[in-house]
């Protein structure tokens, strides 16, 4: 278990097997009932992930269709949460890698809306 890069390269199949063996020691995701994580996925999820794994999602000009899909998802989540619709029709939001980041960003947005409402009412924040 080194914390440094190896001096020599390793075949990709060997590196895969090492990591695969280490991950085998993790818990079984299907038995994880303690978190709000998806514990089962369809093979089509993996196909979509494979299609997108080499894309740099921040480069929206290079990947315009991925950016359009991203915006549709943002609008769908905004609709789900009954967010106020902006005049231009595009909800304000962003994608995240995990649910924790998404929850934190959502919590911060609610806090800022609460703060604005309290300040408008002349109440302390």
Protein backbone atom coordinates (compact mmCIF):
# COMPACT_ATOMS: atom_id res chain seq x y z
CA UNK A 1 0.00 0.00 0.00
CA UNK A 2 2.16 2.80 -1.31
CA UNK A 3 1.44 6.50 -1.15
CA UNK A 4 3.80 7.16 -4.05
CA UNK A 5 3.64 6.55 -7.76
CA UNK A 6 5.40 3.32 -8.76
CA UNK A 7 8.74 3.56 -10.52
CA UNK A 8 7.59 1.30 -13.34
CA UNK A 9 4.35 1.02 -15.26
CA UNK A 10 1.84 -1.74 -14.64
CA UNK A 11 -0.30 -3.59 -17.14
CA UNK A 12 -3.89 -2.35 -17.09
CA UNK A 13 -5.30 -5.83 -16.41
CA UNK A 14 -3.02 -6.20 -13.37
CA UNK A 15 -4.00 -2.76 -12.03
CA UNK A 16 -7.66 -3.63 -12.55
CA UNK A 17 -7.31 -6.91 -10.69
CA UNK A 18 -5.55 -5.27 -7.74
CA UNK A 19 -8.25 -2.61 -7.36
CA UNK A 20 -11.01 -5.15 -8.02
CA UNK A 21 -9.66 -7.39 -5.25
CA UNK A 22 -9.46 -4.46 -2.82
CA UNK A 23 -13.02 -3.36 -3.63
CA UNK A 24 -14.23 -6.91 -2.95
CA UNK A 25 -13.63 -6.15 0.74
CA UNK A 26 -16.18 -3.30 0.67
CA UNK A 27 -19.69 -3.88 1.90
CA UNK A 28 -22.46 -5.07 -0.38
CA UNK A 29 -24.23 -2.00 -1.80
CA UNK A 30 -27.54 -3.86 -2.03
CA UNK A 31 -27.48 -4.34 1.73
CA UNK A 32 -26.68 -0.70 2.50
CA UNK A 33 -29.89 0.61 3.99
CA UNK A 34 -28.19 3.28 6.11
CA UNK A 35 -27.76 5.92 3.40
CA UNK A 36 -29.84 7.49 0.67
CA UNK A 37 -27.80 5.90 -2.09
CA UNK A 38 -29.11 3.99 -5.06
CA UNK A 39 -28.32 0.35 -4.29
CA UNK A 40 -29.41 -1.22 -7.58
CA UNK A 41 -28.96 -0.12 -11.15
CA UNK A 42 -29.97 -1.32 -14.57
CA UNK A 43 -27.41 -2.29 -17.21
CA UNK A 44 -28.52 0.74 -19.26
CA UNK A 45 -27.20 3.00 -16.49
CA UNK A 46 -23.76 1.52 -17.07
CA UNK A 47 -24.10 1.94 -20.83
CA UNK A 48 -24.89 5.64 -20.39
CA UNK A 49 -22.00 6.04 -17.96
CA UNK A 50 -19.67 4.40 -20.48
CA UNK A 51 -20.84 6.86 -23.15
CA UNK A 52 -20.03 9.81 -20.89
CA UNK A 53 -16.98 8.72 -18.92
CA UNK A 54 -14.47 10.39 -21.24
CA UNK A 55 -16.31 13.71 -21.44
CA UNK A 56 -15.17 16.81 -19.61
CA UNK A 57 -18.61 17.94 -18.45
CA UNK A 58 -17.44 21.46 -17.61
CA UNK A 59 -16.57 22.06 -21.29
CA UNK A 60 -20.12 22.78 -22.42
CA UNK A 61 -19.08 24.15 -25.84
CA UNK A 62 -17.30 20.92 -26.74
CA UNK A 63 -20.20 18.76 -25.56
CA UNK A 64 -23.35 20.78 -26.34
CA UNK A 65 -25.74 17.83 -26.30
CA UNK A 66 -24.48 16.72 -22.88
CA UNK A 67 -24.95 20.30 -21.69
CA UNK A 68 -28.51 20.31 -23.05
CA UNK A 69 -29.29 17.06 -21.22
CA UNK A 70 -27.80 18.58 -18.07
CA UNK A 71 -30.07 21.64 -18.37
CA UNK A 72 -33.11 19.43 -18.89
CA UNK A 73 -32.25 17.54 -15.70
CA UNK A 74 -31.83 20.82 -13.78
CA UNK A 75 -35.27 21.94 -15.00
CA UNK A 76 -36.83 18.61 -14.05
CA UNK A 77 -35.42 18.76 -10.51
CA UNK A 78 -36.54 22.39 -10.18
CA UNK A 79 -40.03 21.37 -11.27
CA UNK A 80 -40.02 18.47 -8.82
CA UNK A 81 -39.18 20.86 -5.97
CA UNK A 82 -41.66 23.52 -7.20
CA UNK A 83 -38.88 26.09 -7.66
CA UNK A 84 -40.04 29.47 -8.95
CA UNK A 85 -39.73 29.55 -12.73
CA UNK A 86 -37.42 32.28 -14.02
CA UNK A 87 -38.56 34.54 -16.86
CA UNK A 88 -36.20 32.91 -19.35
CA UNK A 89 -37.63 29.46 -18.58
CA UNK A 90 -34.28 28.01 -17.48
CA UNK A 91 -34.08 27.01 -13.82
CA UNK A 92 -30.96 27.93 -11.89
CA UNK A 93 -28.96 24.90 -10.87
CA UNK A 94 -26.00 22.67 -11.51
CA UNK A 95 -25.10 19.02 -11.66
CA UNK A 96 -23.21 17.27 -8.89
CA UNK A 97 -21.30 14.04 -8.65
CA UNK A 98 -22.96 12.83 -5.49
CA UNK A 99 -26.06 13.21 -3.39
CA UNK A 100 -24.18 14.78 -0.47
CA UNK A 101 -23.01 17.68 -2.63
CA UNK A 102 -26.50 18.07 -4.07
CA UNK A 103 -28.07 18.16 -0.60
CA UNK A 104 -25.53 20.72 0.63
CA UNK A 105 -26.12 23.00 -2.37
CA UNK A 106 -29.88 22.67 -1.94
CA UNK A 107 -29.59 23.46 1.77
CA UNK A 108 -27.49 26.53 1.03
CA UNK A 109 -30.03 27.74 -1.54
CA UNK A 110 -32.86 27.34 0.99
CA UNK A 111 -30.80 29.20 3.60
CA UNK A 112 -30.20 32.13 1.21
CA UNK A 113 -33.90 32.30 0.32
CA UNK A 114 -34.79 32.21 4.03
CA UNK A 115 -32.24 34.95 4.77
CA UNK A 116 -33.63 37.15 1.99
CA UNK A 117 -37.19 36.65 3.30
CA UNK A 118 -36.15 37.46 6.89
CA UNK A 119 -34.24 40.58 5.84
CA UNK A 120 -37.25 41.77 3.80
CA UNK A 121 -39.40 41.30 6.90
CA UNK A 122 -36.88 43.22 9.04
CA UNK A 123 -36.09 40.16 11.15
CA UNK A 124 -32.61 39.10 12.32
CA UNK A 125 -30.75 36.40 10.47
